């Protein structure tokens, strides 16, 4: 599965909690690398930062939803 496909919330929801945590870690690393590229002037695709930032938010939202559902149960 490519990173573009993982942006969909449905694809993230079917993953196990460990897989979602690993995905979040990968996205955070990618976000850091993109920030370094921007700072050094090596970045060509500036829209990639926005996509990764939104993917991180999407994953965090799903993790928060799962946490709230386990507290209620």
PDB file of N, CA and C in Angstrom:
ATOM      1  N   UNK A   1       0.836  -1.172   0.000  1.00  0.00           N
ATOM      2  CA  UNK A   1       0.000   0.000   0.000  1.00  0.00           C
ATOM      3  C   UNK A   1       0.890   1.247   0.000  1.00  0.00           C
ATOM      4  N   UNK A   2       0.636   2.167  -0.868  1.00  0.00           N
ATOM      5  CA  UNK A   2       1.441   3.381  -0.917  1.00  0.00           C
ATOM      6  C   UNK A   2       0.936   4.381   0.113  1.00  0.00           C
ATOM      7  N   UNK A   3       1.738   5.391   0.384  1.00  0.00           N
ATOM      8  CA  UNK A   3       1.355   6.394   1.380  1.00  0.00           C
ATOM      9  C   UNK A   3       0.124   7.169   0.933  1.00  0.00           C
ATOM     10  N   UNK A   4      -0.075   7.331  -0.365  1.00  0.00           N
ATOM     11  CA  UNK A   4      -1.259   8.024  -0.859  1.00  0.00           C
ATOM     12  C   UNK A   4      -2.539   7.279  -0.515  1.00  0.00           C
ATOM     13  N   UNK A   5      -2.465   5.959  -0.526  1.00  0.00           N
ATOM     14  CA  UNK A   5      -3.630   5.161  -0.193  1.00  0.00           C
ATOM     15  C   UNK A   5      -3.922   5.182   1.298  1.00  0.00           C
ATOM     16  N   UNK A   6      -2.905   5.375   2.106  1.00  0.00           N
ATOM     17  CA  UNK A   6      -3.091   5.358   3.550  1.00  0.00           C
ATOM     18  C   UNK A   6      -3.768   6.614   4.068  1.00  0.00           C
ATOM     19  N   UNK A   7      -3.925   7.616   3.231  1.00  0.00           N
ATOM     20  CA  UNK A   7      -4.527   8.852   3.676  1.00  0.00           C
ATOM     21  C   UNK A   7      -6.008   8.711   3.973  1.00  0.00           C
ATOM     22  N   UNK A   8      -6.606   7.662   3.489  1.00  0.00           N
ATOM     23  CA  UNK A   8      -8.030   7.486   3.707  1.00  0.00           C
ATOM     24  C   UNK A   8      -8.276   6.947   5.111  1.00  0.00           C
ATOM     25  N   UNK A   9      -9.225   7.541   5.786  1.00  0.00           N
ATOM     26  CA  UNK A   9      -9.523   7.144   7.155  1.00  0.00           C
ATOM     27  C   UNK A   9      -9.985   5.691   7.242  1.00  0.00           C
ATOM     28  N   UNK A  10     -10.661   5.232   6.231  1.00  0.00           N
ATOM     29  CA  UNK A  10     -11.151   3.853   6.232  1.00  0.00           C
ATOM     30  C   UNK A  10      -9.982   2.873   6.264  1.00  0.00           C
ATOM     31  N   UNK A  11      -8.941   3.177   5.504  1.00  0.00           N
ATOM     32  CA  UNK A  11      -7.769   2.302   5.488  1.00  0.00           C
ATOM     33  C   UNK A  11      -7.072   2.281   6.839  1.00  0.00           C
ATOM     34  N   UNK A  12      -7.106   3.388   7.547  1.00  0.00           N
ATOM     35  CA  UNK A  12      -6.436   3.466   8.844  1.00  0.00           C
ATOM     36  C   UNK A  12      -7.258   2.737   9.905  1.00  0.00           C
ATOM     37  N   UNK A  13      -8.579   2.858   9.818  1.00  0.00           N
ATOM     38  CA  UNK A  13      -9.449   2.260  10.829  1.00  0.00           C
ATOM     39  C   UNK A  13      -9.365   0.734  10.867  1.00  0.00           C
ATOM     40  N   UNK A  14      -9.057   0.087   9.754  1.00  0.00           N
ATOM     41  CA  UNK A  14      -9.009  -1.378   9.740  1.00  0.00           C
ATOM     42  C   UNK A  14      -7.695  -1.913  10.295  1.00  0.00           C
ATOM     43  N   UNK A  15      -6.749  -1.057  10.562  1.00  0.00           N
ATOM     44  CA  UNK A  15      -5.450  -1.482  11.089  1.00  0.00           C
ATOM     45  C   UNK A  15      -5.531  -1.722  12.592  1.00  0.00           C
ATOM     46  N   UNK A  16      -4.619  -2.557  13.078  1.00  0.00           N
ATOM     47  CA  UNK A  16      -4.530  -2.804  14.509  1.00  0.00           C
ATOM     48  C   UNK A  16      -3.914  -1.578  15.180  1.00  0.00           C
ATOM     49  N   UNK A  17      -4.101  -1.438  16.481  1.00  0.00           N
ATOM     50  CA  UNK A  17      -3.514  -0.287  17.181  1.00  0.00           C
ATOM     51  C   UNK A  17      -1.989  -0.184  17.015  1.00  0.00           C
ATOM     52  N   UNK A  18      -1.311  -1.321  17.003  1.00  0.00           N
ATOM     53  CA  UNK A  18       0.144  -1.293  16.816  1.00  0.00           C
ATOM     54  C   UNK A  18       0.515  -0.795  15.420  1.00  0.00           C
ATOM     55  N   UNK A  19      -0.248  -1.209  14.421  1.00  0.00           N
ATOM     56  CA  UNK A  19       0.011  -0.752  13.057  1.00  0.00           C
ATOM     57  C   UNK A  19      -0.244   0.743  12.911  1.00  0.00           C
ATOM     58  N   UNK A  20      -1.262   1.231  13.595  1.00  0.00           N
ATOM     59  CA  UNK A  20      -1.576   2.659  13.530  1.00  0.00           C
ATOM     60  C   UNK A  20      -0.474   3.468  14.208  1.00  0.00           C
ATOM     61  N   UNK A  21       0.024   2.983  15.337  1.00  0.00           N
ATOM     62  CA  UNK A  21       1.130   3.667  16.024  1.00  0.00           C
ATOM     63  C   UNK A  21       2.381   3.689  15.142  1.00  0.00           C
ATOM     64  N   UNK A  22       2.653   2.586  14.453  1.00  0.00           N
ATOM     65  CA  UNK A  22       3.807   2.534  13.549  1.00  0.00           C
ATOM     66  C   UNK A  22       3.623   3.498  12.382  1.00  0.00           C
ATOM     67  N   UNK A  23       2.412   3.587  11.875  1.00  0.00           N
ATOM     68  CA  UNK A  23       2.117   4.517  10.790  1.00  0.00           C
ATOM     69  C   UNK A  23       2.332   5.953  11.248  1.00  0.00           C
ATOM     70  N   UNK A  24       1.884   6.266  12.451  1.00  0.00           N
ATOM     71  CA  UNK A  24       2.061   7.613  12.991  1.00  0.00           C
ATOM     72  C   UNK A  24       3.544   7.944  13.128  1.00  0.00           C
ATOM     73  N   UNK A  25       4.322   6.998  13.587  1.00  0.00           N
ATOM     74  CA  UNK A  25       5.762   7.204  13.719  1.00  0.00           C
ATOM     75  C   UNK A  25       6.403   7.453  12.354  1.00  0.00           C
ATOM     76  N   UNK A  26       6.012   6.682  11.356  1.00  0.00           N
ATOM     77  CA  UNK A  26       6.543   6.865  10.000  1.00  0.00           C
ATOM     78  C   UNK A  26       6.178   8.240   9.440  1.00  0.00           C
ATOM     79  N   UNK A  27       4.941   8.653   9.666  1.00  0.00           N
ATOM     80  CA  UNK A  27       4.505   9.959   9.171  1.00  0.00           C
ATOM     81  C   UNK A  27       5.249  11.089   9.867  1.00  0.00           C
ATOM     82  N   UNK A  28       5.494  10.935  11.161  1.00  0.00           N
ATOM     83  CA  UNK A  28       6.249  11.960  11.900  1.00  0.00           C
ATOM     84  C   UNK A  28       7.682  12.070  11.370  1.00  0.00           C
ATOM     85  N   UNK A  29       8.273  10.908  11.055  1.00  0.00           N
ATOM     86  CA  UNK A  29       9.629  10.922  10.485  1.00  0.00           C
ATOM     87  C   UNK A  29       9.643  11.607   9.119  1.00  0.00           C
ATOM     88  N   UNK A  30       8.644  11.287   8.318  1.00  0.00           N
ATOM     89  CA  UNK A  30       8.554  11.903   7.001  1.00  0.00           C
ATOM     90  C   UNK A  30       8.357  13.417   7.126  1.00  0.00           C
ATOM     91  N   UNK A  31       7.550  13.827   8.085  1.00  0.00           N
ATOM     92  CA  UNK A  31       7.318  15.245   8.319  1.00  0.00           C
ATOM     93  C   UNK A  31       8.622  15.950   8.709  1.00  0.00           C
ATOM     94  N   UNK A  32       9.405  15.310   9.552  1.00  0.00           N
ATOM     95  CA  UNK A  32      10.687  15.881   9.952  1.00  0.00           C
ATOM     96  C   UNK A  32      11.629  16.002   8.756  1.00  0.00           C
ATOM     97  N   UNK A  33      11.689  14.960   7.944  1.00  0.00           N
ATOM     98  CA  UNK A  33      12.550  14.998   6.758  1.00  0.00           C
ATOM     99  C   UNK A  33      12.122  16.102   5.794  1.00  0.00           C
ATOM    100  N   UNK A  34      10.822  16.284   5.629  1.00  0.00           N
ATOM    101  CA  UNK A  34      10.337  17.335   4.740  1.00  0.00           C
ATOM    102  C   UNK A  34      10.677  18.719   5.289  1.00  0.00           C
ATOM    103  N   UNK A  35      10.641  18.876   6.609  1.00  0.00           N
ATOM    104  CA  UNK A  35      11.025  20.162   7.196  1.00  0.00           C
ATOM    105  C   UNK A  35      12.500  20.457   6.970  1.00  0.00           C
ATOM    106  N   UNK A  36      13.340  19.426   7.087  1.00  0.00           N
ATOM    107  CA  UNK A  36      14.761  19.618   6.812  1.00  0.00           C
ATOM    108  C   UNK A  36      14.997  19.971   5.347  1.00  0.00           C
ATOM    109  N   UNK A  37      14.265  19.300   4.466  1.00  0.00           N
ATOM    110  CA  UNK A  37      14.406  19.601   3.041  1.00  0.00           C
ATOM    111  C   UNK A  37      13.992  21.037   2.741  1.00  0.00           C
ATOM    112  N   UNK A  38      12.925  21.488   3.381  1.00  0.00           N
ATOM    113  CA  UNK A  38      12.471  22.858   3.157  1.00  0.00           C
ATOM    114  C   UNK A  38      13.505  23.851   3.681  1.00  0.00           C
ATOM    115  N   UNK A  39      14.088  23.553   4.828  1.00  0.00           N
ATOM    116  CA  UNK A  39      15.057  24.461   5.434  1.00  0.00           C
ATOM    117  C   UNK A  39      16.341  24.555   4.618  1.00  0.00           C
ATOM    118  N   UNK A  40      16.718  23.477   3.961  1.00  0.00           N
ATOM    119  CA  UNK A  40      17.952  23.476   3.177  1.00  0.00           C
ATOM    120  C   UNK A  40      17.708  23.833   1.720  1.00  0.00           C
ATOM    121  N   UNK A  41      16.457  24.068   1.341  1.00  0.00           N
ATOM    122  CA  UNK A  41      16.147  24.457  -0.021  1.00  0.00           C
ATOM    123  C   UNK A  41      16.141  23.308  -1.013  1.00  0.00           C
ATOM    124  N   UNK A  42      16.045  22.088  -0.535  1.00  0.00           N
ATOM    125  CA  UNK A  42      16.063  20.915  -1.411  1.00  0.00           C
ATOM    126  C   UNK A  42      14.667  20.451  -1.813  1.00  0.00           C
ATOM    127  N   UNK A  43      13.654  20.996  -1.181  1.00  0.00           N
ATOM    128  CA  UNK A  43      12.300  20.505  -1.416  1.00  0.00           C
ATOM    129  C   UNK A  43      11.739  21.042  -2.728  1.00  0.00           C
ATOM    130  N   UNK A  44      11.176  20.130  -3.502  1.00  0.00           N
ATOM    131  CA  UNK A  44      10.573  20.505  -4.776  1.00  0.00           C
ATOM    132  C   UNK A  44       9.052  20.572  -4.671  1.00  0.00           C
ATOM    133  N   UNK A  45       8.465  19.619  -3.966  1.00  0.00           N
ATOM    134  CA  UNK A  45       7.006  19.539  -3.869  1.00  0.00           C
ATOM    135  C   UNK A  45       6.565  20.076  -2.504  1.00  0.00           C
ATOM    136  N   UNK A  46       6.195  21.329  -2.468  1.00  0.00           N
ATOM    137  CA  UNK A  46       5.837  21.945  -1.192  1.00  0.00           C
ATOM    138  C   UNK A  46       4.484  21.468  -0.670  1.00  0.00           C
ATOM    139  N   UNK A  47       3.641  20.945  -1.511  1.00  0.00           N
ATOM    140  CA  UNK A  47       2.332  20.472  -1.052  1.00  0.00           C
ATOM    141  C   UNK A  47       2.452  19.182  -0.246  1.00  0.00           C
ATOM    142  N   UNK A  48       3.573  18.507  -0.336  1.00  0.00           N
ATOM    143  CA  UNK A  48       3.757  17.258   0.399  1.00  0.00           C
ATOM    144  C   UNK A  48       3.733  17.501   1.909  1.00  0.00           C
ATOM    145  N   UNK A  49       4.228  18.638   2.365  1.00  0.00           N
ATOM    146  CA  UNK A  49       4.207  18.948   3.797  1.00  0.00           C
ATOM    147  C   UNK A  49       2.768  18.984   4.297  1.00  0.00           C
ATOM    148  N   UNK A  50       1.915  19.623   3.555  1.00  0.00           N
ATOM    149  CA  UNK A  50       0.504  19.734   3.938  1.00  0.00           C
ATOM    150  C   UNK A  50      -0.162  18.365   3.975  1.00  0.00           C
ATOM    151  N   UNK A  51       0.124  17.525   2.995  1.00  0.00           N
ATOM    152  CA  UNK A  51      -0.475  16.192   2.943  1.00  0.00           C
ATOM    153  C   UNK A  51      -0.055  15.356   4.145  1.00  0.00           C
ATOM    154  N   UNK A  52       1.221  15.413   4.479  1.00  0.00           N
ATOM    155  CA  UNK A  52       1.721  14.628   5.608  1.00  0.00           C
ATOM    156  C   UNK A  52       1.150  15.158   6.916  1.00  0.00           C
ATOM    157  N   UNK A  53       1.081  16.481   7.059  1.00  0.00           N
ATOM    158  CA  UNK A  53       0.539  17.079   8.277  1.00  0.00           C
ATOM    159  C   UNK A  53      -0.920  16.649   8.482  1.00  0.00           C
ATOM    160  N   UNK A  54      -1.680  16.637   7.418  1.00  0.00           N
ATOM    161  CA  UNK A  54      -3.084  16.223   7.525  1.00  0.00           C
ATOM    162  C   UNK A  54      -3.216  14.722   7.792  1.00  0.00           C
ATOM    163  N   UNK A  55      -2.305  13.940   7.243  1.00  0.00           N
ATOM    164  CA  UNK A  55      -2.318  12.506   7.519  1.00  0.00           C
ATOM    165  C   UNK A  55      -2.023  12.236   8.989  1.00  0.00           C
ATOM    166  N   UNK A  56      -1.084  12.988   9.554  1.00  0.00           N
ATOM    167  CA  UNK A  56      -0.774  12.856  10.976  1.00  0.00           C
ATOM    168  C   UNK A  56      -2.019  13.194  11.802  1.00  0.00           C
ATOM    169  N   UNK A  57      -2.688  14.270  11.453  1.00  0.00           N
ATOM    170  CA  UNK A  57      -3.896  14.665  12.173  1.00  0.00           C
ATOM    171  C   UNK A  57      -4.972  13.598  12.051  1.00  0.00           C
ATOM    172  N   UNK A  58      -5.106  13.013  10.880  1.00  0.00           N
ATOM    173  CA  UNK A  58      -6.117  11.974  10.659  1.00  0.00           C
ATOM    174  C   UNK A  58      -5.836  10.758  11.547  1.00  0.00           C
ATOM    175  N   UNK A  59      -4.576  10.348  11.616  1.00  0.00           N
ATOM    176  CA  UNK A  59      -4.207   9.194  12.430  1.00  0.00           C
ATOM    177  C   UNK A  59      -4.437   9.502  13.912  1.00  0.00           C
ATOM    178  N   UNK A  60      -4.058  10.695  14.351  1.00  0.00           N
ATOM    179  CA  UNK A  60      -4.260  11.070  15.750  1.00  0.00           C
ATOM    180  C   UNK A  60      -5.740  11.115  16.107  1.00  0.00           C
ATOM    181  N   UNK A  61      -6.566  11.562  15.179  1.00  0.00           N
ATOM    182  CA  UNK A  61      -8.006  11.612  15.411  1.00  0.00           C
ATOM    183  C   UNK A  61      -8.568  10.209  15.606  1.00  0.00           C
ATOM    184  N   UNK A  62      -8.136   9.286  14.777  1.00  0.00           N
ATOM    185  CA  UNK A  62      -8.611   7.905  14.881  1.00  0.00           C
ATOM    186  C   UNK A  62      -8.151   7.282  16.189  1.00  0.00           C
ATOM    187  N   UNK A  63      -6.912   7.550  16.601  1.00  0.00           N
ATOM    188  CA  UNK A  63      -6.425   7.029  17.878  1.00  0.00           C
ATOM    189  C   UNK A  63      -7.227   7.605  19.041  1.00  0.00           C
ATOM    190  N   UNK A  64      -7.573   8.887  18.972  1.00  0.00           N
ATOM    191  CA  UNK A  64      -8.363   9.516  20.021  1.00  0.00           C
ATOM    192  C   UNK A  64      -9.773   8.926  20.067  1.00  0.00           C
ATOM    193  N   UNK A  65     -10.350   8.663  18.910  1.00  0.00           N
ATOM    194  CA  UNK A  65     -11.682   8.050  18.857  1.00  0.00           C
ATOM    195  C   UNK A  65     -11.665   6.666  19.504  1.00  0.00           C
ATOM    196  N   UNK A  66     -10.608   5.909  19.212  1.00  0.00           N
ATOM    197  CA  UNK A  66     -10.500   4.581  19.792  1.00  0.00           C
ATOM    198  C   UNK A  66     -10.336   4.672  21.311  1.00  0.00           C
ATOM    199  N   UNK A  67      -9.571   5.631  21.769  1.00  0.00           N
ATOM    200  CA  UNK A  67      -9.354   5.792  23.208  1.00  0.00           C
ATOM    201  C   UNK A  67     -10.660   6.164  23.907  1.00  0.00           C
ATOM    202  N   UNK A  68     -11.435   7.040  23.283  1.00  0.00           N
ATOM    203  CA  UNK A  68     -12.720   7.432  23.876  1.00  0.00           C
ATOM    204  C   UNK A  68     -13.690   6.254  23.906  1.00  0.00           C
ATOM    205  N   UNK A  69     -13.670   5.422  22.882  1.00  0.00           N
ATOM    206  CA  UNK A  69     -14.609   4.300  22.840  1.00  0.00           C
ATOM    207  C   UNK A  69     -14.251   3.235  23.881  1.00  0.00           C
ATOM    208  N   UNK A  70     -12.975   3.073  24.193  1.00  0.00           N
ATOM    209  CA  UNK A  70     -12.593   2.091  25.214  1.00  0.00           C
ATOM    210  C   UNK A  70     -12.901   2.597  26.612  1.00  0.00           C
ATOM    211  N   UNK A  71     -12.863   3.918  26.810  1.00  0.00           N
ATOM    212  CA  UNK A  71     -13.185   4.486  28.113  1.00  0.00           C
ATOM    213  C   UNK A  71     -14.670   4.336  28.396  1.00  0.00           C
ATOM    214  N   UNK A  72     -15.513   4.532  27.393  1.00  0.00           N
ATOM    215  CA  UNK A  72     -16.961   4.424  27.557  1.00  0.00           C
ATOM    216  C   UNK A  72     -17.390   2.988  27.823  1.00  0.00           C
ATOM    217  N   UNK A  73     -16.684   2.037  27.235  1.00  0.00           N
ATOM    218  CA  UNK A  73     -17.087   0.630  27.362  1.00  0.00           C
ATOM    219  C   UNK A  73     -16.741   0.019  28.687  1.00  0.00           C
TER     220      UNK A  73
END
